[in-house]
N, C-alpha and C. Protein backbone atom coordinates (compact mmCIF):
# COMPACT_ATOMS: atom_id res chain seq x y z
N MET A 1 -23.64 28.76 -21.59
CA MET A 1 -22.77 27.73 -22.12
C MET A 1 -22.84 26.50 -21.23
N LYS A 2 -23.19 25.38 -21.82
CA LYS A 2 -23.19 24.10 -21.10
C LYS A 2 -21.85 23.43 -21.33
N ARG A 3 -21.22 23.03 -20.23
CA ARG A 3 -19.91 22.38 -20.29
C ARG A 3 -20.04 20.94 -19.80
N ILE A 4 -19.46 20.04 -20.59
CA ILE A 4 -19.54 18.61 -20.32
C ILE A 4 -18.13 18.08 -20.16
N LEU A 5 -17.91 17.31 -19.11
CA LEU A 5 -16.59 16.73 -18.85
C LEU A 5 -16.72 15.21 -18.86
N PHE A 6 -16.00 14.57 -19.76
CA PHE A 6 -15.96 13.11 -19.84
C PHE A 6 -14.77 12.63 -19.02
N VAL A 7 -15.00 11.59 -18.19
CA VAL A 7 -13.98 11.15 -17.24
C VAL A 7 -13.71 9.66 -17.40
N CYS A 8 -12.42 9.32 -17.55
CA CYS A 8 -12.01 7.91 -17.54
C CYS A 8 -10.74 7.80 -16.70
N THR A 9 -10.00 6.73 -16.87
CA THR A 9 -8.86 6.48 -16.00
C THR A 9 -7.65 7.34 -16.36
N GLY A 10 -7.11 7.16 -17.55
CA GLY A 10 -5.89 7.87 -17.92
C GLY A 10 -6.07 8.96 -18.95
N ASN A 11 -7.29 9.14 -19.44
CA ASN A 11 -7.62 10.18 -20.43
C ASN A 11 -6.89 9.96 -21.76
N ILE A 12 -6.77 8.68 -22.16
CA ILE A 12 -6.16 8.41 -23.47
C ILE A 12 -7.02 7.52 -24.36
N CYS A 13 -8.11 6.97 -23.85
CA CYS A 13 -8.96 6.11 -24.67
C CYS A 13 -10.40 6.62 -24.69
N ARG A 14 -11.15 6.26 -23.65
CA ARG A 14 -12.59 6.53 -23.66
C ARG A 14 -12.95 8.00 -23.58
N SER A 15 -12.43 8.72 -22.60
CA SER A 15 -12.88 10.10 -22.42
C SER A 15 -12.44 11.04 -23.55
N PRO A 16 -11.21 10.95 -24.08
CA PRO A 16 -10.92 11.85 -25.20
C PRO A 16 -11.71 11.50 -26.46
N THR A 17 -12.03 10.22 -26.63
CA THR A 17 -12.87 9.82 -27.75
C THR A 17 -14.24 10.47 -27.63
N ALA A 18 -14.79 10.44 -26.43
CA ALA A 18 -16.10 11.08 -26.19
C ALA A 18 -16.00 12.59 -26.39
N GLU A 19 -14.95 13.21 -25.88
CA GLU A 19 -14.77 14.65 -26.05
C GLU A 19 -14.76 15.03 -27.53
N ALA A 20 -13.94 14.34 -28.30
CA ALA A 20 -13.81 14.68 -29.72
C ALA A 20 -15.11 14.42 -30.47
N PHE A 21 -15.76 13.29 -30.19
CA PHE A 21 -16.99 12.97 -30.90
C PHE A 21 -18.09 13.97 -30.53
N PHE A 22 -18.23 14.27 -29.24
CA PHE A 22 -19.26 15.21 -28.79
C PHE A 22 -19.03 16.59 -29.41
N ASN A 23 -17.80 17.08 -29.35
CA ASN A 23 -17.52 18.40 -29.92
C ASN A 23 -17.75 18.42 -31.43
N ASP A 24 -17.55 17.29 -32.09
CA ASP A 24 -17.85 17.22 -33.52
C ASP A 24 -19.36 17.34 -33.75
N LEU A 25 -20.16 16.69 -32.91
CA LEU A 25 -21.62 16.84 -33.02
C LEU A 25 -22.03 18.30 -32.84
N VAL A 26 -21.45 18.94 -31.84
CA VAL A 26 -21.76 20.34 -31.55
C VAL A 26 -21.41 21.22 -32.76
N LYS A 27 -20.23 20.98 -33.32
CA LYS A 27 -19.78 21.76 -34.47
C LYS A 27 -20.68 21.54 -35.68
N GLN A 28 -21.13 20.32 -35.90
CA GLN A 28 -21.97 20.01 -37.05
C GLN A 28 -23.25 20.85 -37.09
N VAL A 29 -23.77 21.17 -35.92
CA VAL A 29 -25.02 21.94 -35.88
C VAL A 29 -24.79 23.40 -35.45
N GLY A 30 -23.53 23.81 -35.33
CA GLY A 30 -23.21 25.20 -35.05
C GLY A 30 -23.56 25.68 -33.66
N LEU A 31 -23.42 24.82 -32.67
CA LEU A 31 -23.75 25.22 -31.30
C LEU A 31 -22.51 25.42 -30.42
N GLN A 32 -21.36 25.71 -31.02
CA GLN A 32 -20.12 25.87 -30.27
C GLN A 32 -20.19 26.97 -29.22
N ASP A 33 -21.07 27.94 -29.41
CA ASP A 33 -21.20 29.01 -28.43
C ASP A 33 -22.14 28.64 -27.29
N GLN A 34 -22.75 27.43 -27.36
CA GLN A 34 -23.69 27.01 -26.32
C GLN A 34 -23.31 25.72 -25.62
N MET A 35 -22.42 24.92 -26.23
CA MET A 35 -22.01 23.65 -25.63
C MET A 35 -20.54 23.40 -25.92
N ALA A 36 -19.83 22.82 -24.95
CA ALA A 36 -18.44 22.43 -25.16
C ALA A 36 -18.11 21.26 -24.26
N ALA A 37 -17.31 20.36 -24.78
CA ALA A 37 -16.88 19.19 -24.01
C ALA A 37 -15.38 19.22 -23.79
N ASP A 38 -14.97 18.59 -22.71
CA ASP A 38 -13.57 18.41 -22.36
C ASP A 38 -13.46 17.00 -21.79
N SER A 39 -12.25 16.57 -21.50
CA SER A 39 -12.08 15.24 -20.90
C SER A 39 -10.88 15.24 -19.97
N VAL A 40 -10.93 14.33 -19.01
CA VAL A 40 -9.86 14.18 -18.02
C VAL A 40 -9.75 12.72 -17.61
N GLY A 41 -8.65 12.43 -16.93
CA GLY A 41 -8.47 11.14 -16.29
C GLY A 41 -8.44 11.33 -14.79
N ILE A 42 -8.64 10.24 -14.07
CA ILE A 42 -8.54 10.32 -12.61
C ILE A 42 -7.13 9.97 -12.14
N ALA A 43 -6.30 9.49 -13.05
CA ALA A 43 -4.90 9.16 -12.73
C ALA A 43 -4.00 9.93 -13.69
N ASN A 44 -2.81 10.27 -13.25
CA ASN A 44 -1.93 11.10 -14.07
C ASN A 44 -0.87 10.30 -14.84
N TRP A 45 -1.10 9.05 -15.06
CA TRP A 45 -0.12 8.19 -15.75
C TRP A 45 0.25 8.71 -17.13
N HIS A 46 -0.69 9.31 -17.83
CA HIS A 46 -0.49 9.69 -19.23
C HIS A 46 -0.56 11.20 -19.46
N ALA A 47 -0.53 11.98 -18.39
CA ALA A 47 -0.68 13.43 -18.52
C ALA A 47 0.29 13.99 -19.56
N GLY A 48 -0.26 14.81 -20.46
CA GLY A 48 0.54 15.43 -21.51
C GLY A 48 0.69 14.60 -22.77
N LYS A 49 0.27 13.36 -22.73
CA LYS A 49 0.42 12.47 -23.89
C LYS A 49 -0.83 12.50 -24.77
N PRO A 50 -0.66 12.17 -26.05
CA PRO A 50 -1.83 12.11 -26.94
C PRO A 50 -2.67 10.88 -26.64
N PRO A 51 -3.88 10.83 -27.18
CA PRO A 51 -4.70 9.63 -27.01
C PRO A 51 -3.98 8.40 -27.59
N ASP A 52 -4.42 7.25 -27.14
CA ASP A 52 -3.90 5.97 -27.64
C ASP A 52 -4.07 5.94 -29.16
N SER A 53 -3.05 5.49 -29.87
CA SER A 53 -3.09 5.49 -31.34
C SER A 53 -4.24 4.64 -31.87
N ARG A 54 -4.62 3.60 -31.14
CA ARG A 54 -5.74 2.76 -31.58
C ARG A 54 -7.06 3.52 -31.48
N ALA A 55 -7.19 4.36 -30.45
CA ALA A 55 -8.40 5.18 -30.31
C ALA A 55 -8.42 6.25 -31.40
N ILE A 56 -7.26 6.86 -31.66
CA ILE A 56 -7.17 7.87 -32.73
C ILE A 56 -7.60 7.26 -34.06
N ASP A 57 -7.06 6.07 -34.36
CA ASP A 57 -7.38 5.40 -35.63
C ASP A 57 -8.86 5.05 -35.74
N ALA A 58 -9.42 4.51 -34.66
CA ALA A 58 -10.83 4.11 -34.69
C ALA A 58 -11.73 5.31 -34.94
N LEU A 59 -11.46 6.42 -34.26
CA LEU A 59 -12.29 7.60 -34.44
C LEU A 59 -12.04 8.26 -35.79
N ARG A 60 -10.79 8.28 -36.23
CA ARG A 60 -10.48 8.86 -37.54
C ARG A 60 -11.20 8.10 -38.65
N ASN A 61 -11.32 6.78 -38.50
CA ASN A 61 -12.04 5.97 -39.48
C ASN A 61 -13.52 6.34 -39.56
N ARG A 62 -14.00 7.05 -38.54
CA ARG A 62 -15.39 7.51 -38.53
C ARG A 62 -15.49 9.01 -38.79
N GLY A 63 -14.39 9.58 -39.25
CA GLY A 63 -14.41 10.97 -39.70
C GLY A 63 -14.11 12.03 -38.67
N VAL A 64 -13.59 11.65 -37.50
CA VAL A 64 -13.29 12.64 -36.45
C VAL A 64 -11.83 12.52 -36.04
N ASP A 65 -11.13 13.64 -36.02
CA ASP A 65 -9.72 13.65 -35.63
C ASP A 65 -9.57 14.13 -34.19
N MET A 66 -8.84 13.38 -33.40
CA MET A 66 -8.58 13.80 -32.02
C MET A 66 -7.09 13.79 -31.71
N SER A 67 -6.26 13.75 -32.75
CA SER A 67 -4.82 13.63 -32.55
C SER A 67 -4.20 14.82 -31.82
N SER A 68 -4.87 15.97 -31.82
CA SER A 68 -4.32 17.15 -31.14
C SER A 68 -4.60 17.16 -29.63
N LEU A 69 -5.48 16.28 -29.16
CA LEU A 69 -5.81 16.26 -27.72
C LEU A 69 -4.63 15.74 -26.90
N ARG A 70 -4.56 16.18 -25.66
CA ARG A 70 -3.52 15.71 -24.73
C ARG A 70 -4.18 15.36 -23.41
N ALA A 71 -3.71 14.29 -22.81
CA ALA A 71 -4.28 13.81 -21.55
C ALA A 71 -3.97 14.78 -20.42
N ARG A 72 -4.94 14.87 -19.52
CA ARG A 72 -4.73 15.64 -18.30
C ARG A 72 -5.51 14.97 -17.18
N VAL A 73 -5.12 15.29 -15.96
CA VAL A 73 -5.79 14.73 -14.79
C VAL A 73 -6.79 15.75 -14.26
N ILE A 74 -7.85 15.26 -13.66
CA ILE A 74 -8.90 16.13 -13.13
C ILE A 74 -8.34 17.05 -12.04
N THR A 75 -8.88 18.25 -12.00
CA THR A 75 -8.50 19.22 -10.96
C THR A 75 -9.75 19.59 -10.16
N SER A 76 -9.55 20.23 -9.05
CA SER A 76 -10.70 20.64 -8.24
C SER A 76 -11.59 21.63 -8.99
N ASP A 77 -11.01 22.45 -9.85
CA ASP A 77 -11.81 23.40 -10.64
C ASP A 77 -12.75 22.71 -11.61
N ASP A 78 -12.37 21.54 -12.10
CA ASP A 78 -13.20 20.83 -13.06
C ASP A 78 -14.59 20.52 -12.51
N TYR A 79 -14.67 20.30 -11.22
CA TYR A 79 -15.96 19.95 -10.61
C TYR A 79 -17.00 21.06 -10.74
N TRP A 80 -16.59 22.30 -10.51
CA TRP A 80 -17.56 23.40 -10.56
C TRP A 80 -17.61 24.11 -11.91
N GLN A 81 -16.60 23.89 -12.76
CA GLN A 81 -16.60 24.55 -14.06
C GLN A 81 -17.44 23.80 -15.11
N ASN A 82 -17.89 22.61 -14.78
CA ASN A 82 -18.65 21.80 -15.73
C ASN A 82 -20.05 21.54 -15.21
N ASP A 83 -21.00 21.58 -16.13
CA ASP A 83 -22.39 21.31 -15.77
C ASP A 83 -22.63 19.82 -15.58
N TYR A 84 -21.92 19.00 -16.36
CA TYR A 84 -22.05 17.54 -16.29
C TYR A 84 -20.66 16.93 -16.23
N LEU A 85 -20.47 16.02 -15.30
CA LEU A 85 -19.25 15.21 -15.22
C LEU A 85 -19.70 13.78 -15.46
N LEU A 86 -19.31 13.22 -16.58
CA LEU A 86 -19.82 11.93 -17.03
C LEU A 86 -18.76 10.85 -16.90
N ALA A 87 -19.01 9.91 -16.01
CA ALA A 87 -18.07 8.84 -15.70
C ALA A 87 -18.23 7.67 -16.66
N MET A 88 -17.12 7.19 -17.20
CA MET A 88 -17.16 6.07 -18.13
C MET A 88 -17.38 4.73 -17.43
N ASP A 89 -17.00 4.64 -16.16
CA ASP A 89 -17.28 3.40 -15.43
C ASP A 89 -17.52 3.71 -13.95
N HIS A 90 -17.89 2.69 -13.20
CA HIS A 90 -18.25 2.88 -11.79
C HIS A 90 -17.07 3.31 -10.92
N THR A 91 -15.86 2.93 -11.30
CA THR A 91 -14.68 3.39 -10.56
C THR A 91 -14.56 4.90 -10.66
N HIS A 92 -14.77 5.42 -11.85
CA HIS A 92 -14.71 6.86 -12.06
C HIS A 92 -15.84 7.57 -11.32
N MET A 93 -17.01 6.95 -11.35
CA MET A 93 -18.17 7.52 -10.65
C MET A 93 -17.88 7.63 -9.15
N ASP A 94 -17.36 6.56 -8.57
CA ASP A 94 -17.01 6.57 -7.15
C ASP A 94 -15.98 7.66 -6.84
N PHE A 95 -14.96 7.77 -7.68
CA PHE A 95 -13.93 8.79 -7.49
C PHE A 95 -14.55 10.18 -7.53
N LEU A 96 -15.36 10.45 -8.54
CA LEU A 96 -15.97 11.77 -8.67
C LEU A 96 -16.85 12.11 -7.47
N GLN A 97 -17.66 11.15 -7.06
CA GLN A 97 -18.55 11.40 -5.92
C GLN A 97 -17.76 11.62 -4.63
N THR A 98 -16.66 10.92 -4.48
CA THR A 98 -15.84 11.06 -3.27
C THR A 98 -15.16 12.42 -3.20
N HIS A 99 -14.75 12.96 -4.33
CA HIS A 99 -13.96 14.19 -4.36
C HIS A 99 -14.76 15.45 -4.69
N ALA A 100 -16.02 15.31 -5.00
CA ALA A 100 -16.83 16.47 -5.39
C ALA A 100 -17.22 17.31 -4.18
N GLY A 101 -17.20 18.61 -4.37
CA GLY A 101 -17.71 19.52 -3.36
C GLY A 101 -19.18 19.82 -3.63
N SER A 102 -19.75 20.65 -2.81
CA SER A 102 -21.17 20.96 -2.94
C SER A 102 -21.49 21.77 -4.19
N ASP A 103 -20.46 22.38 -4.80
CA ASP A 103 -20.69 23.20 -5.99
C ASP A 103 -20.43 22.45 -7.29
N ALA A 104 -20.29 21.14 -7.22
CA ALA A 104 -19.98 20.34 -8.40
C ALA A 104 -21.17 20.28 -9.36
N GLY A 105 -20.84 20.13 -10.63
CA GLY A 105 -21.88 19.88 -11.62
C GLY A 105 -22.50 18.52 -11.39
N GLU A 106 -23.47 18.18 -12.23
CA GLU A 106 -24.12 16.87 -12.10
C GLU A 106 -23.12 15.76 -12.44
N ILE A 107 -23.01 14.80 -11.54
CA ILE A 107 -22.13 13.65 -11.76
C ILE A 107 -23.01 12.47 -12.14
N ARG A 108 -22.77 11.95 -13.35
CA ARG A 108 -23.62 10.89 -13.87
C ARG A 108 -22.77 9.81 -14.56
N MET A 109 -23.36 8.65 -14.70
CA MET A 109 -22.74 7.59 -15.48
C MET A 109 -22.98 7.88 -16.95
N PHE A 110 -21.98 7.71 -17.77
CA PHE A 110 -22.08 8.03 -19.19
C PHE A 110 -23.19 7.26 -19.89
N LEU A 111 -23.29 5.97 -19.66
CA LEU A 111 -24.26 5.17 -20.39
C LEU A 111 -25.69 5.31 -19.87
N GLU A 112 -25.88 6.05 -18.80
CA GLU A 112 -27.25 6.26 -18.32
C GLU A 112 -28.08 7.01 -19.35
N SER A 113 -27.43 7.74 -20.24
CA SER A 113 -28.15 8.44 -21.30
C SER A 113 -28.85 7.46 -22.24
N LEU A 114 -28.42 6.22 -22.22
CA LEU A 114 -29.02 5.16 -23.04
C LEU A 114 -29.89 4.23 -22.20
N GLY A 115 -30.14 4.61 -20.95
CA GLY A 115 -30.94 3.78 -20.06
C GLY A 115 -30.19 2.57 -19.55
N ARG A 116 -28.86 2.64 -19.55
CA ARG A 116 -28.03 1.52 -19.13
C ARG A 116 -27.31 1.85 -17.83
N LYS A 117 -26.97 0.81 -17.08
CA LYS A 117 -26.28 0.99 -15.81
C LYS A 117 -24.86 0.43 -15.85
N ASP A 118 -24.44 -0.06 -17.01
CA ASP A 118 -23.12 -0.68 -17.10
C ASP A 118 -22.05 0.34 -17.50
N ASP A 119 -20.82 -0.14 -17.54
CA ASP A 119 -19.66 0.67 -17.86
C ASP A 119 -19.36 0.63 -19.35
N VAL A 120 -18.68 1.66 -19.82
CA VAL A 120 -18.03 1.57 -21.13
C VAL A 120 -16.73 0.81 -20.87
N PRO A 121 -16.58 -0.39 -21.44
CA PRO A 121 -15.39 -1.18 -21.13
C PRO A 121 -14.11 -0.49 -21.59
N ASP A 122 -13.07 -0.61 -20.79
CA ASP A 122 -11.78 0.00 -21.11
C ASP A 122 -11.09 -0.84 -22.19
N PRO A 123 -10.86 -0.27 -23.38
CA PRO A 123 -10.26 -1.05 -24.45
C PRO A 123 -8.73 -1.11 -24.39
N PHE A 124 -8.11 -0.42 -23.44
CA PHE A 124 -6.66 -0.25 -23.42
C PHE A 124 -5.90 -1.57 -23.54
N TYR A 125 -6.31 -2.59 -22.83
CA TYR A 125 -5.59 -3.87 -22.87
C TYR A 125 -6.15 -4.82 -23.93
N GLY A 126 -7.03 -4.32 -24.77
CA GLY A 126 -7.67 -5.14 -25.79
C GLY A 126 -7.08 -4.94 -27.16
N ASP A 127 -7.87 -5.33 -28.14
CA ASP A 127 -7.44 -5.23 -29.53
C ASP A 127 -8.34 -4.26 -30.29
N LYS A 128 -8.21 -4.22 -31.60
CA LYS A 128 -8.96 -3.29 -32.43
C LYS A 128 -10.47 -3.44 -32.22
N GLN A 129 -10.96 -4.67 -32.07
CA GLN A 129 -12.38 -4.89 -31.86
C GLN A 129 -12.85 -4.27 -30.55
N ASP A 130 -12.02 -4.30 -29.53
CA ASP A 130 -12.37 -3.69 -28.25
C ASP A 130 -12.51 -2.18 -28.38
N PHE A 131 -11.63 -1.57 -29.17
CA PHE A 131 -11.74 -0.13 -29.41
C PHE A 131 -12.98 0.20 -30.22
N GLU A 132 -13.30 -0.62 -31.20
CA GLU A 132 -14.51 -0.39 -32.00
C GLU A 132 -15.76 -0.53 -31.14
N HIS A 133 -15.79 -1.54 -30.26
CA HIS A 133 -16.95 -1.73 -29.38
C HIS A 133 -17.11 -0.52 -28.45
N ALA A 134 -16.00 -0.08 -27.83
CA ALA A 134 -16.07 1.09 -26.94
C ALA A 134 -16.54 2.31 -27.73
N LEU A 135 -16.05 2.46 -28.94
CA LEU A 135 -16.44 3.61 -29.76
C LEU A 135 -17.92 3.55 -30.14
N ASP A 136 -18.43 2.37 -30.42
CA ASP A 136 -19.87 2.24 -30.69
C ASP A 136 -20.69 2.76 -29.52
N LEU A 137 -20.32 2.34 -28.31
CA LEU A 137 -21.02 2.80 -27.11
C LEU A 137 -20.86 4.30 -26.90
N ILE A 138 -19.66 4.79 -27.13
CA ILE A 138 -19.38 6.22 -26.94
C ILE A 138 -20.18 7.05 -27.94
N GLU A 139 -20.22 6.62 -29.19
CA GLU A 139 -21.02 7.36 -30.18
C GLU A 139 -22.49 7.43 -29.76
N ASP A 140 -23.05 6.28 -29.41
CA ASP A 140 -24.46 6.25 -29.02
C ASP A 140 -24.71 7.09 -27.77
N GLY A 141 -23.83 6.97 -26.78
CA GLY A 141 -23.98 7.75 -25.56
C GLY A 141 -23.83 9.24 -25.79
N CYS A 142 -22.87 9.62 -26.60
CA CYS A 142 -22.68 11.05 -26.91
C CYS A 142 -23.89 11.62 -27.63
N ARG A 143 -24.42 10.88 -28.58
CA ARG A 143 -25.61 11.37 -29.29
C ARG A 143 -26.77 11.58 -28.32
N ALA A 144 -26.95 10.65 -27.39
CA ALA A 144 -28.04 10.77 -26.42
C ALA A 144 -27.81 11.95 -25.47
N TRP A 145 -26.58 12.10 -24.95
CA TRP A 145 -26.28 13.24 -24.07
C TRP A 145 -26.43 14.55 -24.83
N PHE A 146 -25.97 14.58 -26.08
CA PHE A 146 -26.09 15.78 -26.90
C PHE A 146 -27.55 16.21 -27.00
N GLU A 147 -28.43 15.28 -27.31
CA GLU A 147 -29.86 15.62 -27.45
C GLU A 147 -30.45 16.05 -26.12
N LYS A 148 -30.07 15.37 -25.05
CA LYS A 148 -30.58 15.72 -23.71
C LYS A 148 -30.16 17.13 -23.33
N ILE A 149 -28.89 17.44 -23.54
CA ILE A 149 -28.38 18.76 -23.16
C ILE A 149 -28.90 19.83 -24.12
N ARG A 150 -28.97 19.50 -25.38
CA ARG A 150 -29.50 20.45 -26.38
C ARG A 150 -30.92 20.88 -26.01
N ALA A 151 -31.70 19.96 -25.48
CA ALA A 151 -33.09 20.26 -25.10
C ALA A 151 -33.16 21.27 -23.96
N THR A 152 -32.07 21.45 -23.20
CA THR A 152 -32.06 22.39 -22.08
C THR A 152 -31.60 23.78 -22.49
N LEU A 153 -31.14 23.92 -23.72
CA LEU A 153 -30.63 25.21 -24.18
C LEU A 153 -31.79 26.18 -24.43
N PRO A 154 -31.55 27.46 -24.25
CA PRO A 154 -32.59 28.45 -24.54
C PRO A 154 -32.97 28.39 -26.02
N LYS A 155 -34.22 28.52 -26.30
CA LYS A 155 -34.70 28.52 -27.68
C LYS A 155 -34.43 29.87 -28.30
N SER A 156 -33.91 29.86 -29.52
CA SER A 156 -33.62 31.15 -30.16
C SER A 156 -34.61 31.47 -31.26
């Protein structure tokens, strides 16, 4: 089982969107027994709360529901329980690298799957267009990570 952890600041916009979209891709092709995604924040400001309603709406408009997700903060167990820890921006990357032990999964930038070195911009202080732009990047990045990870699975 390959486990993927998406990481952002408060776990209410970018990372839960990626979690829900990625898990939907996995479900579409019936690989739930081989891949699973989760998401966390590096700050506990929103722990226990649902994703931002604007993120829920943007993703729902594309056919994926994430309203049941709840924000949580990263724990020390998350580092070794996941094969990939994917940072939405460089702040998250720095945090992950600073706190990771030697048994941590691969820590990578989310958009590197698209050959990019930039961040997924945080739409929290923006408007609907900012959420749509972040979602466009998240969809493309999730599809690329999905294919990359799928290629590592045992052939049946």
